[in-house]
Amino acid sequence: MSQLDIFRLDGRVALVGGGGGSIGGAIAEAFAGVGAKVVVAGRSEDKLAATVARVEAAGSEGVVVVADATVEADADRMVAAANDRFGRVDIVVNAVGGGAGEALHPAEGYPRDRWDWIMELNLRSTVIPTQAAVRAMIAAGHGGAVLNLSSVRANLGINAGYSAYVAAKGAISSLTRQWATEWAKHGIRVNAMMPTFVDTPQVASLLADPAFKQGIVNRIPIGRIGELRDLVGPAIFLCSDAASFVTGQVLGIDGGLTATQ
């Protein structure tokens, strides 16, 4: 037995919310590559199907569930799909989120509708699927792992109208610690990744502006923008037996950005 076997996810079933997105899709594919079966959930059936195709190309099995992560009944369907197809759920990854750049407003007049939208997209989309998945994990009695997506904006303010986004991501970081404390008795570990700006198709137009891109790079000690490959290794670690004594942690994946603040 290789010491690297503790990083494998053979026999485990991962539910990835936002599995049709760049980050969720990359994590789903990476999990498949280390042995997990994957249920990918999200709103776009075409994007989810593309992720499942990559999961299968990596040598595993995948299931598509078209669902809204903010709706309780849809979250229950995600978990039911995992149980129906694979008989269990061991991991839940919450990769739904974003929208910060589409809802920038002064803090003293942040509009209620935009605030609620950001909270739904980032916070509620984390809470609802996690509750459904953890209920199944507790009932099954075999433990599990929860992986949340926070952001460096949970810790760092920015003079750019991000009130709702930083509040949502700050709540995710706090809930990570709270859930870890409550669910440890069930053998369920809860951790989060806290990335800075990551190069995905969703931000390609922003990075096409050389001045904007250089401004970000200048603030990151490692001297480059984050990439999807920077997230998949930590995700595997935090959801595998390699992290069996790690819970309640929010791991910065930021090229040293928060170390400079």
Foldseek 3Di string as FASTA:
>chain_A
DDPCLLLADALAEEEEEVCLFDLNLLQLLLNLLRHYEYEYEEADPVSNVVSQVSSVVSPHGYHYQHAQLLDLVSLLVSQVVCCVPRNAHAEYEQPFADPQVVQADDPVCRDPVSLVVRLSRQASSQPRNVVNRVVRLLVVLPEHEYEYEAACLCPDDDPTRRVSNNVNSVVVLVVQLVCQVVCVVSNYAGEYEYEYAEDDPVCVVVVVPVVSQQVLLVLAVQRHHHYSVLPNVVVSCRGGSVCSVDHSYYHYSYNCNVVVD
